C-alpha atoms as a PDB file:
ATOM      1  CA  MET A   1     -40.339 -35.282  22.326  1.00  0.00           C
ATOM      2  CA  GLN A   2     -43.925 -35.739  21.215  1.00  0.00           C
ATOM      3  CA  ARG A   3     -44.615 -34.352  17.772  1.00  0.00           C
ATOM      4  CA  ILE A   4     -47.619 -32.075  17.368  1.00  0.00           C
ATOM      5  CA  LYS A   5     -49.487 -31.863  14.088  1.00  0.00           C
ATOM      6  CA  PRO A   6     -49.344 -28.366  12.627  1.00  0.00           C
ATOM      7  CA  THR A   7     -53.044 -28.715  11.799  1.00  0.00           C
ATOM      8  CA  LEU A   8     -53.894 -28.800  15.511  1.00  0.00           C
ATOM      9  CA  TYR A   9     -52.216 -25.397  15.962  1.00  0.00           C
ATOM     10  CA  LEU A  10     -54.236 -24.071  13.033  1.00  0.00           C
ATOM     11  CA  LEU A  11     -57.469 -25.525  14.385  1.00  0.00           C
ATOM     12  CA  LEU A  12     -56.972 -23.917  17.788  1.00  0.00           C
ATOM     13  CA  ALA A  13     -56.212 -20.587  16.168  1.00  0.00           C
ATOM     14  CA  ALA A  14     -59.190 -20.812  13.834  1.00  0.00           C
ATOM     15  CA  LEU A  15     -61.620 -21.552  16.648  1.00  0.00           C
ATOM     16  CA  LEU A  16     -60.403 -18.579  18.624  1.00  0.00           C
ATOM     17  CA  PHE A  17     -61.027 -16.096  15.832  1.00  0.00           C
ATOM     18  CA  ALA A  18     -64.269 -14.185  16.220  1.00  0.00           C
ATOM     19  CA  PRO A  19     -65.469 -11.341  13.983  1.00  0.00           C
ATOM     20  CA  ALA A  20     -63.860  -8.089  15.013  1.00  0.00           C
ATOM     21  CA  ALA A  21     -66.757  -5.903  16.065  1.00  0.00           C
ATOM     22  CA  PHE A  22     -70.281  -4.695  15.788  1.00  0.00           C
ATOM     23  CA  ALA A  23     -71.226  -1.036  15.935  1.00  0.00           C
ATOM     24  CA  GLN A  24     -74.258   1.018  16.730  1.00  0.00           C
ATOM     25  CA  LYS A  25     -77.152   2.830  15.233  1.00  0.00           C
ATOM     26  CA  GLY A  26     -76.690   6.603  14.828  1.00  0.00           C
ATOM     27  CA  LYS A  27     -77.567   9.618  12.744  1.00  0.00           C
ATOM     28  CA  SER A  28     -76.233   9.588   9.172  1.00  0.00           C
ATOM     29  CA  LYS A  29     -74.489  12.919   8.870  1.00  0.00           C
ATOM     30  CA  THR A  30     -71.140  13.732   7.388  1.00  0.00           C
ATOM     31  CA  LYS A  31     -70.139  15.749  10.459  1.00  0.00           C
ATOM     32  CA  PRO A  32     -72.665  15.237  13.246  1.00  0.00           C
ATOM     33  CA  ALA A  33     -72.961  18.265  15.495  1.00  0.00           C
ATOM     34  CA  ALA A  34     -74.169  16.177  18.437  1.00  0.00           C
ATOM     35  CA  ALA A  35     -72.482  13.257  20.113  1.00  0.00           C
ATOM     36  CA  ILE A  36     -73.739   9.772  19.270  1.00  0.00           C
ATOM     37  CA  GLU A  37     -73.878   6.580  21.292  1.00  0.00           C
ATOM     38  CA  LEU A  38     -71.910   3.559  20.155  1.00  0.00           C
ATOM     39  CA  LYS A  39     -73.507   0.315  21.258  1.00  0.00           C
ATOM     40  CA  LEU A  40     -74.963  -2.909  19.908  1.00  0.00           C
ATOM     41  CA  GLN A  41     -78.436  -2.622  18.428  1.00  0.00           C
ATOM     42  CA  LEU A  42     -79.209  -6.034  16.934  1.00  0.00           C
ATOM     43  CA  LYS A  43     -82.653  -6.839  15.570  1.00  0.00           C
ATOM     44  CA  PRO A  44     -84.618  -9.999  16.439  1.00  0.00           C
ATOM     45  CA  GLY A  45     -85.204 -12.298  13.498  1.00  0.00           C
ATOM     46  CA  LYS A  46     -82.263 -10.888  11.538  1.00  0.00           C
ATOM     47  CA  THR A  47     -79.332 -12.944  10.270  1.00  0.00           C
ATOM     48  CA  TYR A  48     -75.912 -11.268  10.059  1.00  0.00           C
ATOM     49  CA  ARG A  49     -72.985 -12.761   8.168  1.00  0.00           C
ATOM     50  CA  MET A  50     -69.316 -11.939   8.414  1.00  0.00           C
ATOM     51  CA  TRP A  51     -66.023 -13.159   6.982  1.00  0.00           C
ATOM     52  CA  MET A  52     -62.754 -12.788   8.877  1.00  0.00           C
ATOM     53  CA  SER A  53     -59.340 -13.731   7.554  1.00  0.00           C
ATOM     54  CA  THR A  54     -55.902 -13.591   9.153  1.00  0.00           C
ATOM     55  CA  ASP A  55     -52.691 -13.791   7.154  1.00  0.00           C
ATOM     56  CA  GLN A  56     -49.676 -14.503   9.330  1.00  0.00           C
ATOM     57  CA  ASP A  57     -45.931 -14.798   8.955  1.00  0.00           C
ATOM     58  CA  ILE A  58     -44.436 -16.436  12.034  1.00  0.00           C
ATOM     59  CA  THR A  59     -40.648 -16.500  12.343  1.00  0.00           C
ATOM     60  CA  GLN A  60     -38.843 -18.459  15.060  1.00  0.00           C
ATOM     61  CA  ASP A  61     -35.109 -18.514  15.674  1.00  0.00           C
ATOM     62  CA  ILE A  62     -34.078 -21.930  17.006  1.00  0.00           C
ATOM     63  CA  SER A  63     -30.369 -22.249  17.702  1.00  0.00           C
ATOM     64  CA  GLY A  64     -29.576 -19.759  14.964  1.00  0.00           C
ATOM     65  CA  GLN A  65     -31.857 -21.400  12.401  1.00  0.00           C
ATOM     66  CA  LYS A  66     -34.849 -19.388  11.231  1.00  0.00           C
ATOM     67  CA  ILE A  67     -38.097 -21.361  11.017  1.00  0.00           C
ATOM     68  CA  VAL A  68     -40.811 -19.607   9.026  1.00  0.00           C
ATOM     69  CA  VAL A  69     -44.492 -20.488   9.051  1.00  0.00           C
ATOM     70  CA  LYS A  70     -46.887 -18.805   6.640  1.00  0.00           C
ATOM     71  CA  GLN A  71     -50.569 -19.328   7.201  1.00  0.00           C
ATOM     72  CA  MET A  72     -53.934 -17.953   6.232  1.00  0.00           C
ATOM     73  CA  MET A  73     -57.044 -18.698   8.293  1.00  0.00           C
ATOM     74  CA  GLY A  74     -60.423 -17.573   7.023  1.00  0.00           C
ATOM     75  CA  MET A  75     -63.720 -18.106   8.841  1.00  0.00           C
ATOM     76  CA  GLY A  76     -67.261 -17.334   7.774  1.00  0.00           C
ATOM     77  CA  TYR A  77     -69.775 -16.774  10.583  1.00  0.00           C
ATOM     78  CA  ARG A  78     -73.543 -16.646  10.640  1.00  0.00           C
ATOM     79  CA  TYR A  79     -75.286 -14.832  13.512  1.00  0.00           C
ATOM     80  CA  GLU A  80     -78.993 -15.564  13.834  1.00  0.00           C
ATOM     81  CA  VAL A  81     -80.639 -13.240  16.351  1.00  0.00           C
ATOM     82  CA  GLN A  82     -83.355 -15.200  18.134  1.00  0.00           C
ATOM     83  CA  SER A  83     -84.590 -12.415  20.397  1.00  0.00           C
ATOM     84  CA  VAL A  84     -83.631  -9.116  22.004  1.00  0.00           C
ATOM     85  CA  ASP A  85     -84.880  -8.259  25.486  1.00  0.00           C
ATOM     86  CA  ALA A  86     -85.881  -4.873  26.879  1.00  0.00           C
ATOM     87  CA  ALA A  87     -82.297  -4.178  28.023  1.00  0.00           C
ATOM     88  CA  GLY A  88     -80.972  -4.783  24.512  1.00  0.00           C
ATOM     89  CA  THR A  89     -79.399  -8.168  25.268  1.00  0.00           C
ATOM     90  CA  ALA A  90     -79.583 -10.425  22.228  1.00  0.00           C
ATOM     91  CA  THR A  91     -79.870 -14.201  22.170  1.00  0.00           C
ATOM     92  CA  ILE A  92     -77.828 -15.330  19.170  1.00  0.00           C
ATOM     93  CA  ASN A  93     -77.091 -18.627  17.472  1.00  0.00           C
ATOM     94  CA  MET A  94     -73.558 -18.419  16.040  1.00  0.00           C
ATOM     95  CA  THR A  95     -72.660 -20.900  13.279  1.00  0.00           C
ATOM     96  CA  TYR A  96     -69.400 -21.669  11.486  1.00  0.00           C
ATOM     97  CA  ASP A  97     -70.465 -21.174   7.875  1.00  0.00           C
ATOM     98  CA  SER A  98     -67.242 -21.597   5.901  1.00  0.00           C
ATOM     99  CA  VAL A  99     -63.572 -22.331   6.469  1.00  0.00           C
ATOM    100  CA  VAL A 100     -60.434 -21.701   4.402  1.00  0.00           C
ATOM    101  CA  ILE A 101     -57.028 -22.792   5.729  1.00  0.00           C
ATOM    102  CA  ARG A 102     -53.657 -22.551   4.013  1.00  0.00           C
ATOM    103  CA  SER A 103     -50.298 -23.088   5.696  1.00  0.00           C
ATOM    104  CA  VAL A 104     -46.703 -23.663   4.701  1.00  0.00           C
ATOM    105  CA  THR A 105     -44.385 -25.032   7.392  1.00  0.00           C
ATOM    106  CA  PRO A 106     -41.076 -26.931   7.409  1.00  0.00           C
ATOM    107  CA  MET A 107     -43.172 -30.080   7.998  1.00  0.00           C
ATOM    108  CA  GLY A 108     -45.233 -29.570   4.849  1.00  0.00           C
ATOM    109  CA  GLU A 109     -48.220 -27.756   3.426  1.00  0.00           C
ATOM    110  CA  THR A 110     -51.872 -27.889   4.432  1.00  0.00           C
ATOM    111  CA  GLU A 111     -54.855 -26.546   2.539  1.00  0.00           C
ATOM    112  CA  PHE A 112     -58.595 -26.789   3.036  1.00  0.00           C
ATOM    113  CA  ASN A 113     -61.474 -24.844   1.486  1.00  0.00           C
ATOM    114  CA  SER A 114     -65.012 -25.714   2.514  1.00  0.00           C
ATOM    115  CA  ALA A 115     -66.243 -24.470  -0.871  1.00  0.00           C
ATOM    116  CA  ASN A 116     -64.153 -27.236  -2.438  1.00  0.00           C
ATOM    117  CA  PRO A 117     -63.692 -29.933   0.234  1.00  0.00           C
ATOM    118  CA  ASP A 118     -61.491 -32.080  -2.019  1.00  0.00           C
ATOM    119  CA  THR A 119     -58.649 -29.568  -1.573  1.00  0.00           C
ATOM    120  CA  GLY A 120     -57.796 -31.175   1.735  1.00  0.00           C
ATOM    121  CA  GLU A 121     -58.406 -34.832   0.979  1.00  0.00           C
ATOM    122  CA  SER A 122     -54.718 -35.740   1.016  1.00  0.00           C
ATOM    123  CA  ALA A 123     -53.738 -33.655   4.067  1.00  0.00           C
ATOM    124  CA  PRO A 124     -54.032 -35.352   7.488  1.00  0.00           C
ATOM    125  CA  GLY A 125     -56.082 -33.362   9.969  1.00  0.00           C
ATOM    126  CA  THR A 126     -58.397 -31.599   7.528  1.00  0.00           C
ATOM    127  CA  GLU A 127     -61.276 -33.753   8.808  1.00  0.00           C
ATOM    128  CA  ALA A 128     -61.475 -31.391  11.763  1.00  0.00           C
ATOM    129  CA  TYR A 129     -62.182 -28.414   9.509  1.00  0.00           C
ATOM    130  CA  LYS A 130     -64.956 -30.321   7.760  1.00  0.00           C
ATOM    131  CA  ALA A 131     -66.457 -31.122  11.154  1.00  0.00           C
ATOM    132  CA  MET A 132     -66.551 -27.414  12.028  1.00  0.00           C
ATOM    133  CA  LEU A 133     -68.975 -26.632   9.209  1.00  0.00           C
ATOM    134  CA  GLY A 134     -72.458 -26.149  10.605  1.00  0.00           C
ATOM    135  CA  ALA A 135     -71.241 -26.340  14.215  1.00  0.00           C
ATOM    136  CA  GLN A 136     -72.863 -23.708  16.399  1.00  0.00           C
ATOM    137  CA  PHE A 137     -73.396 -22.429  19.920  1.00  0.00           C
ATOM    138  CA  THR A 138     -75.790 -19.980  21.546  1.00  0.00           C
ATOM    139  CA  MET A 139     -74.896 -16.855  23.477  1.00  0.00           C
ATOM    140  CA  LYS A 140     -76.532 -13.926  25.195  1.00  0.00           C
ATOM    141  CA  LEU A 141     -74.781 -10.729  24.169  1.00  0.00           C
ATOM    142  CA  THR A 142     -75.417  -7.357  25.793  1.00  0.00           C
ATOM    143  CA  LYS A 143     -75.477  -4.066  23.912  1.00  0.00           C
ATOM    144  CA  ALA A 144     -72.113  -3.290  25.542  1.00  0.00           C
ATOM    145  CA  GLY A 145     -70.590  -6.351  23.851  1.00  0.00           C
ATOM    146  CA  LYS A 146     -70.441  -8.502  26.984  1.00  0.00           C
ATOM    147  CA  VAL A 147     -71.318 -12.199  26.998  1.00  0.00           C
ATOM    148  CA  GLU A 148     -73.893 -12.899  29.702  1.00  0.00           C
ATOM    149  CA  SER A 149     -74.032 -16.634  29.024  1.00  0.00           C
ATOM    150  CA  ILE A 150     -72.992 -19.193  26.438  1.00  0.00           C
ATOM    151  CA  THR A 151     -74.213 -22.750  25.767  1.00  0.00           C
ATOM    152  CA  GLY A 152     -73.432 -25.470  23.260  1.00  0.00           C
ATOM    153  CA  VAL A 153     -69.628 -25.225  23.392  1.00  0.00           C
ATOM    154  CA  ASP A 154     -69.229 -28.803  24.681  1.00  0.00           C
ATOM    155  CA  GLU A 155     -71.227 -30.082  21.716  1.00  0.00           C
ATOM    156  CA  LEU A 156     -69.051 -27.995  19.385  1.00  0.00           C
ATOM    157  CA  MET A 157     -65.870 -29.521  20.810  1.00  0.00           C
ATOM    158  CA  ALA A 158     -67.248 -33.069  20.634  1.00  0.00           C
ATOM    159  CA  LYS A 159     -68.207 -32.569  16.987  1.00  0.00           C
ATOM    160  CA  ILE A 160     -64.698 -31.404  16.132  1.00  0.00           C
ATOM    161  CA  VAL A 161     -62.910 -34.151  18.076  1.00  0.00           C
ATOM    162  CA  ASN A 162     -65.091 -36.869  16.529  1.00  0.00           C
ATOM    163  CA  GLY A 163     -64.504 -35.413  13.093  1.00  0.00           C
ATOM    164  CA  MET A 164     -60.736 -35.611  13.460  1.00  0.00           C
ATOM    165  CA  GLY A 165     -60.763 -39.300  12.567  1.00  0.00           C
ATOM    166  CA  THR A 166     -59.615 -42.476  14.246  1.00  0.00           C
ATOM    167  CA  GLN A 167     -56.651 -41.432  16.345  1.00  0.00           C
ATOM    168  CA  GLU A 168     -55.154 -43.810  18.835  1.00  0.00           C
ATOM    169  CA  PRO A 169     -57.120 -43.584  22.112  1.00  0.00           C
ATOM    170  CA  ALA A 170     -54.231 -41.928  23.973  1.00  0.00           C
ATOM    171  CA  GLN A 171     -53.679 -39.380  21.197  1.00  0.00           C
ATOM    172  CA  LYS A 172     -57.393 -38.623  20.930  1.00  0.00           C
ATOM    173  CA  ALA A 173     -57.618 -38.116  24.706  1.00  0.00           C
ATOM    174  CA  ALA A 174     -54.620 -35.755  24.621  1.00  0.00           C
ATOM    175  CA  ILE A 175     -56.157 -33.708  21.801  1.00  0.00           C
ATOM    176  CA  GLU A 176     -59.496 -33.551  23.589  1.00  0.00           C
ATOM    177  CA  GLN A 177     -57.802 -32.396  26.787  1.00  0.00           C
ATOM    178  CA  SER A 178     -55.967 -29.654  24.896  1.00  0.00           C
ATOM    179  CA  LEU A 179     -59.143 -28.494  23.162  1.00  0.00           C
ATOM    180  CA  LYS A 180     -61.036 -28.365  26.452  1.00  0.00           C
ATOM    181  CA  LYS A 181     -58.716 -25.615  27.629  1.00  0.00           C
ATOM    182  CA  MET A 182     -59.243 -23.640  24.431  1.00  0.00           C
ATOM    183  CA  ILE A 183     -62.915 -24.329  23.689  1.00  0.00           C
ATOM    184  CA  SER A 184     -64.555 -24.007  27.076  1.00  0.00           C
ATOM    185  CA  ASN A 185     -67.478 -21.684  27.779  1.00  0.00           C
ATOM    186  CA  GLU A 186     -65.082 -19.289  29.483  1.00  0.00           C
ATOM    187  CA  ALA A 187     -62.564 -19.373  26.633  1.00  0.00           C
ATOM    188  CA  MET A 188     -65.163 -18.717  23.931  1.00  0.00           C
ATOM    189  CA  ALA A 189     -66.765 -15.926  25.978  1.00  0.00           C
ATOM    190  CA  GLU A 190     -63.340 -14.286  26.387  1.00  0.00           C
ATOM    191  CA  THR A 191     -62.691 -14.552  22.655  1.00  0.00           C
ATOM    192  CA  ILE A 192     -65.998 -12.912  21.751  1.00  0.00           C
ATOM    193  CA  GLU A 193     -65.581 -10.111  24.283  1.00  0.00           C
ATOM    194  CA  ARG A 194     -62.016  -9.601  23.091  1.00  0.00           C
ATOM    195  CA  SER A 195     -63.338  -8.665  19.658  1.00  0.00           C
ATOM    196  CA  MET A 196     -66.334  -6.628  20.826  1.00  0.00           C
ATOM    197  CA  ASN A 197     -64.768  -4.518  23.542  1.00  0.00           C
ATOM    198  CA  ILE A 198     -64.780  -1.372  21.388  1.00  0.00           C
ATOM    199  CA  TYR A 199     -67.521   0.812  22.834  1.00  0.00           C
ATOM    200  CA  PRO A 200     -67.044   4.153  24.611  1.00  0.00           C
ATOM    201  CA  ALA A 201     -68.675   4.596  27.998  1.00  0.00           C
ATOM    202  CA  THR A 202     -70.171   7.957  26.959  1.00  0.00           C
ATOM    203  CA  PRO A 203     -71.496   9.435  23.700  1.00  0.00           C
ATOM    204  CA  VAL A 204     -68.840  10.570  21.212  1.00  0.00           C
ATOM    205  CA  LYS A 205     -68.604  12.904  18.226  1.00  0.00           C
ATOM    206  CA  VAL A 206     -66.223  13.111  15.261  1.00  0.00           C
ATOM    207  CA  GLY A 207     -62.684  13.659  16.540  1.00  0.00           C
ATOM    208  CA  ASP A 208     -63.302  12.045  19.929  1.00  0.00           C
ATOM    209  CA  SER A 209     -61.142   9.168  21.136  1.00  0.00           C
ATOM    210  CA  TRP A 210     -61.630   6.562  23.836  1.00  0.00           C
ATOM    211  CA  LYS A 211     -59.586   3.711  25.261  1.00  0.00           C
ATOM    212  CA  GLN A 212     -60.295   0.086  26.013  1.00  0.00           C
ATOM    213  CA  THR A 213     -58.056  -2.516  27.643  1.00  0.00           C
ATOM    214  CA  MET A 214     -58.444  -6.252  27.256  1.00  0.00           C
ATOM    215  CA  GLU A 215     -56.482  -8.941  29.064  1.00  0.00           C
ATOM    216  CA  VAL A 216     -56.139 -12.051  26.929  1.00  0.00           C
ATOM    217  CA  ALA A 217     -55.505 -15.242  28.880  1.00  0.00           C
ATOM    218  CA  ILE A 218     -56.242 -17.836  26.186  1.00  0.00           C
ATOM    219  CA  GLY A 219     -53.784 -18.796  23.437  1.00  0.00           C
ATOM    220  CA  MET A 220     -51.027 -16.185  23.329  1.00  0.00           C
ATOM    221  CA  PRO A 221     -51.551 -14.253  26.607  1.00  0.00           C
ATOM    222  CA  MET A 222     -51.288 -10.490  26.262  1.00  0.00           C
ATOM    223  CA  THR A 223     -52.717  -7.204  27.452  1.00  0.00           C
ATOM    224  CA  VAL A 224     -54.057  -5.079  24.596  1.00  0.00           C
ATOM    225  CA  SER A 225     -54.629  -1.356  25.176  1.00  0.00           C
ATOM    226  CA  THR A 226     -56.485   0.249  22.276  1.00  0.00           C
ATOM    227  CA  THR A 227     -57.361   3.833  21.398  1.00  0.00           C
ATOM    228  CA  TYR A 228     -60.343   4.256  19.069  1.00  0.00           C
ATOM    229  CA  THR A 229     -61.016   7.524  17.270  1.00  0.00           C
ATOM    230  CA  LEU A 230     -64.245   8.413  15.471  1.00  0.00           C
ATOM    231  CA  LYS A 231     -62.732   9.872  12.306  1.00  0.00           C
ATOM    232  CA  ASN A 232     -65.870  10.616  10.295  1.00  0.00           C
ATOM    233  CA  ILE A 233     -69.389   9.551   9.363  1.00  0.00           C
ATOM    234  CA  THR A 234     -70.104   9.672   5.636  1.00  0.00           C
ATOM    235  CA  ASN A 235     -73.160   8.318   3.808  1.00  0.00           C
ATOM    236  CA  GLY A 236     -74.211   6.302   6.819  1.00  0.00           C
ATOM    237  CA  VAL A 237     -70.768   4.738   7.342  1.00  0.00           C
ATOM    238  CA  ALA A 238     -68.699   5.504  10.452  1.00  0.00           C
ATOM    239  CA  GLU A 239     -64.920   5.199  10.213  1.00  0.00           C
ATOM    240  CA  LEU A 240     -62.919   4.381  13.326  1.00  0.00           C
ATOM    241  CA  GLY A 241     -59.147   4.685  13.597  1.00  0.00           C
ATOM    242  CA  VAL A 242     -57.557   1.942  15.706  1.00  0.00           C
ATOM    243  CA  GLN A 243     -54.207   2.165  17.521  1.00  0.00           C
ATOM    244  CA  SER A 244     -53.129  -0.528  19.998  1.00  0.00           C
ATOM    245  CA  THR A 245     -50.169  -1.368  22.148  1.00  0.00           C
ATOM    246  CA  VAL A 246     -49.642  -4.989  23.136  1.00  0.00           C
ATOM    247  CA  ALA A 247     -47.825  -6.087  26.290  1.00  0.00           C
ATOM    248  CA  ASN A 248     -47.188  -9.433  27.926  1.00  0.00           C
ATOM    249  CA  ASN A 249     -49.897 -10.635  30.316  1.00  0.00           C
ATOM    250  CA  ALA A 250     -47.751 -11.873  33.184  1.00  0.00           C
ATOM    251  CA  ASN A 251     -50.813 -13.067  35.141  1.00  0.00           C
ATOM    252  CA  ALA A 252     -51.929 -15.583  32.518  1.00  0.00           C
ATOM    253  CA  LYS A 253     -51.239 -19.290  32.892  1.00  0.00           C
ATOM    254  CA  PRO A 254     -49.152 -21.174  30.303  1.00  0.00           C
ATOM    255  CA  MET A 255     -50.992 -22.787  27.399  1.00  0.00           C
ATOM    256  CA  GLU A 256     -51.103 -26.566  27.850  1.00  0.00           C
ATOM    257  CA  MET A 257     -51.032 -28.804  24.790  1.00  0.00           C
ATOM    258  CA  MET A 258     -50.336 -32.517  24.390  1.00  0.00           C
ATOM    259  CA  GLY A 259     -48.605 -32.777  27.789  1.00  0.00           C
ATOM    260  CA  MET A 260     -46.474 -29.666  27.302  1.00  0.00           C
ATOM    261  CA  GLU A 261     -46.676 -26.086  28.528  1.00  0.00           C
ATOM    262  CA  MET A 262     -46.117 -23.191  26.132  1.00  0.00           C
ATOM    263  CA  ASN A 263     -45.211 -19.769  27.513  1.00  0.00           C
ATOM    264  CA  TYR A 264     -45.321 -16.628  25.383  1.00  0.00           C
ATOM    265  CA  ASN A 265     -43.831 -13.243  26.220  1.00  0.00           C
ATOM    266  CA  LEU A 266     -44.922 -10.906  23.441  1.00  0.00           C
ATOM    267  CA  SER A 267     -45.281  -7.188  22.878  1.00  0.00           C
ATOM    268  CA  GLY A 268     -45.914  -4.966  19.891  1.00  0.00           C
ATOM    269  CA  THR A 269     -48.439  -2.791  18.095  1.00  0.00           C
ATOM    270  CA  GLN A 270     -51.644  -2.973  16.102  1.00  0.00           C
ATOM    271  CA  LYS A 271     -53.234  -0.319  13.927  1.00  0.00           C
ATOM    272  CA  GLY A 272     -55.834   0.087  11.220  1.00  0.00           C
ATOM    273  CA  THR A 273     -59.381   1.212  10.486  1.00  0.00           C
ATOM    274  CA  MET A 274     -62.925  -0.032  10.841  1.00  0.00           C
ATOM    275  CA  LYS A 275     -65.910   1.036   8.752  1.00  0.00           C
ATOM    276  CA  VAL A 276     -69.357   0.543  10.235  1.00  0.00           C
ATOM    277  CA  ASN A 277     -72.778   0.768   8.615  1.00  0.00           C
ATOM    278  CA  VAL A 278     -74.546   2.879  11.230  1.00  0.00           C
ATOM    279  CA  GLU A 279     -78.003   2.101   9.847  1.00  0.00           C
ATOM    280  CA  ASN A 280     -77.931  -1.611  10.700  1.00  0.00           C
ATOM    281  CA  GLY A 281     -75.075  -1.562  13.230  1.00  0.00           C
ATOM    282  CA  TRP A 282     -72.831  -4.009  11.402  1.00  0.00           C
ATOM    283  CA  VAL A 283     -69.159  -3.802  10.429  1.00  0.00           C
ATOM    284  CA  ASP A 284     -68.806  -3.238   6.686  1.00  0.00           C
ATOM    285  CA  THR A 285     -65.038  -3.671   6.666  1.00  0.00           C
ATOM    286  CA  SER A 286     -62.099  -3.750   9.044  1.00  0.00           C
ATOM    287  CA  SER A 287     -58.386  -3.927   8.330  1.00  0.00           C
ATOM    288  CA  LEU A 288     -55.739  -4.250  11.038  1.00  0.00           C
ATOM    289  CA  LYS A 289     -52.000  -4.869  10.911  1.00  0.00           C
ATOM    290  CA  GLN A 290     -50.382  -6.415  13.969  1.00  0.00           C
ATOM    291  CA  ASN A 291     -46.685  -6.815  14.738  1.00  0.00           C
ATOM    292  CA  LEU A 292     -45.629  -8.851  17.761  1.00  0.00           C
ATOM    293  CA  PHE A 293     -42.144  -9.711  18.982  1.00  0.00           C
ATOM    294  CA  GLY A 294     -40.830 -11.663  21.944  1.00  0.00           C
ATOM    295  CA  THR A 295     -40.080 -15.199  23.042  1.00  0.00           C
ATOM    296  CA  MET A 296     -41.756 -18.579  23.258  1.00  0.00           C
ATOM    297  CA  SER A 297     -40.679 -21.357  25.601  1.00  0.00           C
ATOM    298  CA  ILE A 298     -41.841 -24.958  25.841  1.00  0.00           C
ATOM    299  CA  SER A 299     -41.567 -27.045  28.972  1.00  0.00           C
ATOM    300  CA  GLY A 300     -42.354 -30.676  29.569  1.00  0.00           C
ATOM    301  CA  GLU A 301     -40.834 -34.131  29.509  1.00  0.00           C
ATOM    302  CA  ASN A 302     -37.823 -34.521  27.180  1.00  0.00           C
ATOM    303  CA  ILE A 303     -38.009 -30.965  25.834  1.00  0.00           C
ATOM    304  CA  PRO A 304     -34.585 -29.918  24.464  1.00  0.00           C
ATOM    305  CA  ASP A 305     -32.949 -26.759  25.792  1.00  0.00           C
ATOM    306  CA  MET A 306     -33.138 -25.061  22.390  1.00  0.00           C
ATOM    307  CA  LEU A 307     -36.946 -24.860  22.752  1.00  0.00           C
ATOM    308  CA  LYS A 308     -36.901 -23.204  26.171  1.00  0.00           C
ATOM    309  CA  ASN A 309     -36.315 -19.616  25.026  1.00  0.00           C
ATOM    310  CA  VAL A 310     -37.107 -19.172  21.338  1.00  0.00           C
ATOM    311  CA  PRO A 311     -37.208 -15.669  19.777  1.00  0.00           C
ATOM    312  CA  ILE A 312     -40.412 -15.259  17.799  1.00  0.00           C
ATOM    313  CA  ALA A 313     -41.929 -12.597  15.543  1.00  0.00           C
ATOM    314  CA  VAL A 314     -45.549 -12.622  14.368  1.00  0.00           C
ATOM    315  CA  GLN A 315     -46.776 -10.322  11.609  1.00  0.00           C
ATOM    316  CA  SER A 316     -50.506 -10.454  10.945  1.00  0.00           C
ATOM    317  CA  THR A 317     -52.989  -8.778   8.638  1.00  0.00           C
ATOM    318  CA  ILE A 318     -56.562  -9.168   9.901  1.00  0.00           C
ATOM    319  CA  THR A 319     -59.460  -8.265   7.620  1.00  0.00           C
ATOM    320  CA  VAL A 320     -63.202  -8.387   8.171  1.00  0.00           C
ATOM    321  CA  SER A 321     -66.061  -7.902   5.739  1.00  0.00           C
ATOM    322  CA  SER A 322     -69.816  -8.321   5.965  1.00  0.00           C
ATOM    323  CA  ARG A 323     -71.360 -10.818   3.592  1.00  0.00           C
END
């Protein structure tokens, strides 16, 4: 069985995290009498910054033995709005500004902090995180949170692969092939839309709720059905309640990595709140707790039976703050 570095799992997860949401411009009233529109209203020439961190406890039961992985992945993003057209579609350069990774697994510990790069000097694989700093791509994002186009992802992947050091040619090719499935234009567009699919189709007022459904095909496939409720607007800050149910996405293809296929069958819940500065349309804070349960199976050459139906539980706390 081919051994996979835990840092590659972390890298894939880190790249697929995008800031949770934007919001919209509206009237700053404690209890608005009229309904307001929720949509993106980004300003040309403005730079928006955001920090997103995910703390996870992942428990797997392999032949009666519990394997626990604890990890924290923090990403700082910089959004530079180049232009906004008449329809409200923004052209944005998105840059990875900072990275913090901490993990504890049965195979060892990994730590990297871009504010203090020496923290990861002794841990194999941290070169990839250093390579992410300053990497960027360009996207066109509509006011409904949809990605019209995205460019520069190939350059991003090449920068990361080259920064991972001098692997053996076969190993480097396998890693590059795995990353291509996770860091394609389509994959990054799905990730961004996954986090921005929060807007109601019609104007809403305090107390109103609306639903959105997102099918996730990349990484851990799932179908997420979310109910958002506009709880209040106080001092220019809108608070949204978030309640989600998560179900398995049976239509998604298995995740391929290093010559193996990984299948997830997960379900669970997610809940929390988001606070949005309605004056500039940016998320001030967001806090979500996610609990997922199910199974993971790995298929491929020389995979032991004990890895073909592994119970797994994932508990995550996801926080976002503007910077």
